[in-house]
Amino acid sequence: MRARGVVASALTAAAGWLVEPAAPEAGPESRLVPAERPVVAVVGLAPGCGATAVARALGAELAARDCDGGCAVTAVTARATMPLGLPAAGRLARSLAPVAGFRTRACGRLCLVECHDSAALAGALLYRAPLVLDVADPREASAAAALADAAVLVATPRIEPALASVMAESLARVGSEPLIVLNRAMGEEDPWSGRAGVELPDSRVGAQLALAGREARGELGRAVAELADQVVGRA
């Protein structure tokens, strides 16, 4: 009986990944239509600050709001953390694969794209889906910010706030004023108090969900939803 219970629990968990959630019972005004699909650049201020998790968490939230249910996120490699993609992400991956030779992979709600030409990818996605540029190389931040409708700078409490201010001023010269996000915020008084537009609480489980292309839950999920609201408002 105990073994049977373990198998049942495993099957239930697998179903949660493989079955696309039902669409929320909300009016059409709450969902993104083609004219509102944003391009967002997510830039990490230091290695290990969690920019990729933030980019994918934001992408999953935008996908959940999109009328077609998908979002493209750039990646160094299109190899998914867990190769389980929802139908909308799979359709987007298949439609992008023949375009300009992009390598794609469905991952949860996301279509991960290996891309060396962000402008070409943004053009290919026009009216198809939101796009989140996960900027791995700081030297590419200015080009990504110039292309994007909104830019997000990701910091952690260990990073000096002045660095975020300098980077924000620099990117504002080529695009819109970036939104500063404090990742892994501890909720304590520190030099970052009141300096970030959005604070994301530390959540290892939430980060793992995000990397797998799924929406974060709990406090992190609510903070990511706030981030998405601000990003869409700036786009």
Protein backbone atom coordinates (compact mmCIF):
# COMPACT_ATOMS: atom_id res chain seq x y z
CA MET A 1 0.00 0.00 0.00
CA ARG A 2 2.81 2.39 0.83
CA ALA A 3 4.52 1.77 -2.54
CA ARG A 4 1.20 2.32 -4.31
CA GLY A 5 0.81 5.64 -2.51
CA VAL A 6 4.28 6.73 -3.60
CA VAL A 7 3.49 5.88 -7.23
CA ALA A 8 0.18 7.75 -7.04
CA SER A 9 1.92 10.82 -5.65
CA ALA A 10 4.51 10.70 -8.42
CA LEU A 11 1.82 10.42 -11.09
CA THR A 12 -0.07 13.34 -9.60
CA ALA A 13 3.09 15.46 -9.63
CA ALA A 14 3.84 14.48 -13.24
CA ALA A 15 0.32 15.41 -14.28
CA GLY A 16 0.85 18.86 -12.83
CA TRP A 17 3.75 19.34 -15.24
CA LEU A 18 2.27 17.71 -18.33
CA VAL A 19 -1.29 19.03 -18.29
CA GLU A 20 -1.81 22.62 -19.32
CA PRO A 21 -3.76 24.51 -16.65
CA ALA A 22 -7.24 25.64 -17.51
CA ALA A 23 -7.52 29.24 -18.62
CA PRO A 24 -8.60 31.56 -15.80
CA GLU A 25 -12.19 32.75 -15.85
CA ALA A 26 -11.27 36.34 -16.57
CA GLY A 27 -12.47 38.80 -19.14
CA PRO A 28 -10.44 39.40 -22.31
CA GLU A 29 -9.25 42.75 -20.93
CA SER A 30 -7.03 40.93 -18.41
CA ARG A 31 -5.05 39.05 -21.07
CA LEU A 32 -2.34 40.29 -23.40
CA VAL A 33 -3.44 40.75 -27.01
CA PRO A 34 -0.95 40.90 -29.90
CA ALA A 35 -0.51 44.70 -29.80
CA GLU A 36 0.50 44.48 -26.13
CA ARG A 37 3.15 41.78 -26.40
CA PRO A 38 6.31 43.28 -24.92
CA VAL A 39 10.02 42.75 -25.49
CA VAL A 40 11.82 42.85 -22.14
CA ALA A 41 15.57 42.86 -21.48
CA VAL A 42 16.65 41.30 -18.16
CA VAL A 43 20.20 42.21 -17.17
CA GLY A 44 22.07 40.77 -14.19
CA LEU A 45 24.37 43.18 -12.36
CA ALA A 46 26.73 40.41 -11.25
CA PRO A 47 27.29 36.69 -11.88
CA GLY A 48 25.07 34.51 -9.72
CA CYS A 49 22.46 37.19 -9.01
CA GLY A 50 19.67 34.97 -10.38
CA ALA A 51 18.94 36.95 -13.54
CA THR A 52 18.07 33.80 -15.51
CA ALA A 53 15.55 32.69 -12.89
CA VAL A 54 14.03 36.18 -12.88
CA ALA A 55 13.88 36.25 -16.69
CA ARG A 56 12.12 32.88 -16.84
CA ALA A 57 9.78 33.67 -13.94
CA LEU A 58 8.77 36.87 -15.71
CA GLY A 59 8.43 34.99 -18.99
CA ALA A 60 6.17 32.36 -17.42
CA GLU A 61 3.97 35.10 -15.94
CA LEU A 62 3.73 36.89 -19.29
CA ALA A 63 2.93 33.59 -20.99
CA ALA A 64 0.13 32.90 -18.52
CA ARG A 65 -1.36 36.30 -19.38
CA ASP A 66 -0.93 36.00 -23.14
CA CYS A 67 -3.88 35.10 -25.33
CA ASP A 68 -1.86 32.29 -26.97
CA GLY A 69 -0.26 31.11 -23.72
CA GLY A 70 3.43 31.23 -24.64
CA CYS A 71 6.54 33.39 -24.24
CA ALA A 72 10.01 33.17 -25.78
CA VAL A 73 13.07 33.56 -23.55
CA THR A 74 16.61 33.64 -24.88
CA ALA A 75 19.09 31.18 -23.42
CA VAL A 76 22.75 30.33 -23.84
CA THR A 77 21.54 26.85 -24.67
CA ALA A 78 18.02 25.76 -25.53
CA ARG A 79 18.46 22.61 -23.45
CA ALA A 80 15.57 22.71 -20.98
CA THR A 81 16.13 22.11 -17.27
CA MET A 82 13.22 19.66 -17.49
CA PRO A 83 12.16 18.73 -21.05
CA LEU A 84 8.45 19.11 -20.30
CA GLY A 85 6.75 21.84 -22.31
CA LEU A 86 3.11 22.83 -22.34
CA PRO A 87 1.31 22.73 -25.72
CA ALA A 88 1.48 26.51 -26.30
CA ALA A 89 5.24 26.53 -25.72
CA GLY A 90 5.65 23.55 -28.04
CA ARG A 91 3.72 25.28 -30.82
CA LEU A 92 5.82 28.41 -30.45
CA ALA A 93 9.06 26.38 -30.47
CA ARG A 94 8.03 24.57 -33.66
CA SER A 95 7.02 27.79 -35.40
CA LEU A 96 10.32 29.52 -34.56
CA ALA A 97 12.66 26.64 -35.33
CA PRO A 98 12.64 27.15 -39.14
CA VAL A 99 12.99 30.94 -38.85
CA ALA A 100 16.59 32.16 -39.23
CA GLY A 101 17.87 28.86 -37.87
CA PHE A 102 16.93 29.45 -34.23
CA ARG A 103 17.41 26.42 -31.96
CA THR A 104 14.39 26.13 -29.71
CA ARG A 105 13.06 23.97 -26.90
CA ALA A 106 9.74 24.01 -25.06
CA CYS A 107 10.20 24.28 -21.29
CA GLY A 108 7.04 24.59 -19.22
CA ARG A 109 5.24 27.71 -20.48
CA LEU A 110 8.40 28.96 -22.21
CA CYS A 111 10.04 28.56 -25.58
CA LEU A 112 13.78 28.70 -24.90
CA VAL A 113 15.69 30.11 -27.87
CA GLU A 114 19.39 30.02 -28.62
CA CYS A 115 19.88 33.36 -30.29
CA HIS A 116 22.84 35.41 -31.50
CA ASP A 117 20.69 38.06 -33.19
CA SER A 118 18.12 39.53 -30.80
CA ALA A 119 16.81 41.98 -33.40
CA ALA A 120 16.06 39.16 -35.85
CA LEU A 121 14.35 37.17 -33.11
CA ALA A 122 12.23 40.15 -32.06
CA GLY A 123 11.19 40.60 -35.68
CA ALA A 124 10.31 36.92 -36.04
CA LEU A 125 8.19 37.10 -32.89
CA LEU A 126 6.28 40.23 -33.89
CA TYR A 127 2.62 39.62 -32.96
CA ARG A 128 3.39 35.99 -32.03
CA ALA A 129 4.42 36.08 -28.37
CA PRO A 130 6.14 38.15 -25.67
CA LEU A 131 9.95 38.01 -25.69
CA VAL A 132 12.30 38.15 -22.70
CA LEU A 133 15.98 38.71 -23.49
CA ASP A 134 18.10 37.03 -20.81
CA VAL A 135 21.25 39.13 -21.20
CA ALA A 136 24.13 36.91 -20.14
CA ASP A 137 26.93 39.26 -21.24
CA PRO A 138 26.89 42.78 -19.67
CA ARG A 139 28.56 44.07 -22.85
CA GLU A 140 25.29 43.30 -24.66
CA ALA A 141 23.13 45.19 -22.17
CA SER A 142 22.97 48.46 -24.13
CA ALA A 143 21.98 46.76 -27.39
CA ALA A 144 19.31 44.71 -25.63
CA ALA A 145 17.93 47.76 -23.78
CA ALA A 146 17.74 49.72 -27.03
CA LEU A 147 15.75 46.90 -28.64
CA ALA A 148 13.43 46.26 -25.68
CA ASP A 149 10.22 48.00 -24.65
CA ALA A 150 11.31 47.67 -21.01
CA ALA A 151 14.53 46.78 -19.21
CA VAL A 152 14.98 45.07 -15.85
CA LEU A 153 18.18 45.24 -13.80
CA VAL A 154 18.60 42.34 -11.35
CA ALA A 155 20.61 42.86 -8.16
CA THR A 156 20.99 41.10 -4.82
CA PRO A 157 21.55 42.59 -1.34
CA ARG A 158 25.29 41.91 -1.69
CA ILE A 159 25.58 44.25 -4.68
CA GLU A 160 26.35 47.91 -4.08
CA PRO A 161 23.24 50.02 -4.90
CA ALA A 162 25.43 52.63 -6.61
CA LEU A 163 26.29 50.05 -9.29
CA ALA A 164 22.61 49.67 -10.13
CA SER A 165 22.18 53.44 -10.31
CA VAL A 166 25.12 53.84 -12.68
CA MET A 167 23.94 51.02 -14.93
CA ALA A 168 20.37 52.35 -14.94
CA GLU A 169 21.56 55.81 -15.98
CA SER A 170 23.66 54.29 -18.75
CA LEU A 171 20.85 52.15 -20.16
CA ALA A 172 18.33 55.00 -19.91
CA ARG A 173 20.38 56.83 -22.57
CA VAL A 174 19.54 54.17 -25.17
CA GLY A 175 16.09 53.04 -24.04
CA SER A 176 13.45 53.49 -21.36
CA GLU A 177 14.46 53.92 -17.73
CA PRO A 178 15.23 50.43 -16.36
CA LEU A 179 13.30 48.88 -13.51
CA ILE A 180 15.61 47.79 -10.69
CA VAL A 181 14.72 44.46 -9.07
CA LEU A 182 16.24 43.30 -5.80
CA ASN A 183 16.37 39.51 -5.97
CA ARG A 184 16.58 37.32 -2.84
CA ALA A 185 15.47 40.22 -0.67
CA MET A 186 15.52 39.44 3.06
CA GLY A 187 13.13 42.18 4.18
CA GLU A 188 15.69 43.80 6.50
CA GLU A 189 16.89 47.38 6.68
CA ASP A 190 20.01 47.65 4.54
CA PRO A 191 21.55 49.97 1.92
CA TRP A 192 18.93 48.74 -0.57
CA SER A 193 15.94 49.88 1.48
CA GLY A 194 13.60 51.83 -0.78
CA ARG A 195 15.96 51.74 -3.75
CA ALA A 196 14.42 48.90 -5.79
CA GLY A 197 11.19 49.09 -7.78
CA VAL A 198 10.35 45.45 -6.96
CA GLU A 199 11.74 43.10 -4.31
CA LEU A 200 11.69 39.36 -4.94
CA PRO A 201 11.89 37.18 -1.81
CA ASP A 202 14.42 34.37 -1.58
CA SER A 203 12.77 31.10 -2.63
CA ARG A 204 14.77 28.10 -3.82
CA VAL A 205 11.63 26.21 -4.84
CA GLY A 206 10.31 29.25 -6.69
CA ALA A 207 13.61 29.62 -8.55
CA GLN A 208 13.50 25.95 -9.56
CA LEU A 209 9.96 26.37 -10.89
CA ALA A 210 11.03 29.45 -12.82
CA LEU A 211 14.02 27.68 -14.39
CA ALA A 212 11.63 24.94 -15.49
CA GLY A 213 9.39 27.52 -17.16
CA ARG A 214 6.58 27.51 -14.60
CA GLU A 215 5.01 30.32 -12.60
CA ALA A 216 6.43 30.96 -9.15
CA ARG A 217 4.08 30.44 -6.21
CA GLY A 218 3.36 32.16 -2.91
CA GLU A 219 5.08 35.42 -2.01
CA LEU A 220 7.54 35.10 -4.89
CA GLY A 221 4.68 34.54 -7.32
CA ARG A 222 2.92 37.66 -6.12
CA ALA A 223 6.14 39.68 -6.44
CA VAL A 224 6.73 38.38 -9.98
CA ALA A 225 3.14 39.34 -10.87
CA GLU A 226 3.88 42.86 -9.61
CA LEU A 227 7.02 42.89 -11.74
CA ALA A 228 5.01 41.84 -14.80
CA ASP A 229 2.45 44.58 -14.11
CA GLN A 230 5.18 47.21 -14.08
CA VAL A 231 6.88 45.80 -17.17
CA VAL A 232 3.65 45.76 -19.16
CA GLY A 233 2.90 49.27 -17.95
CA ARG A 234 6.25 50.51 -19.30
CA ALA A 235 6.01 48.68 -22.61
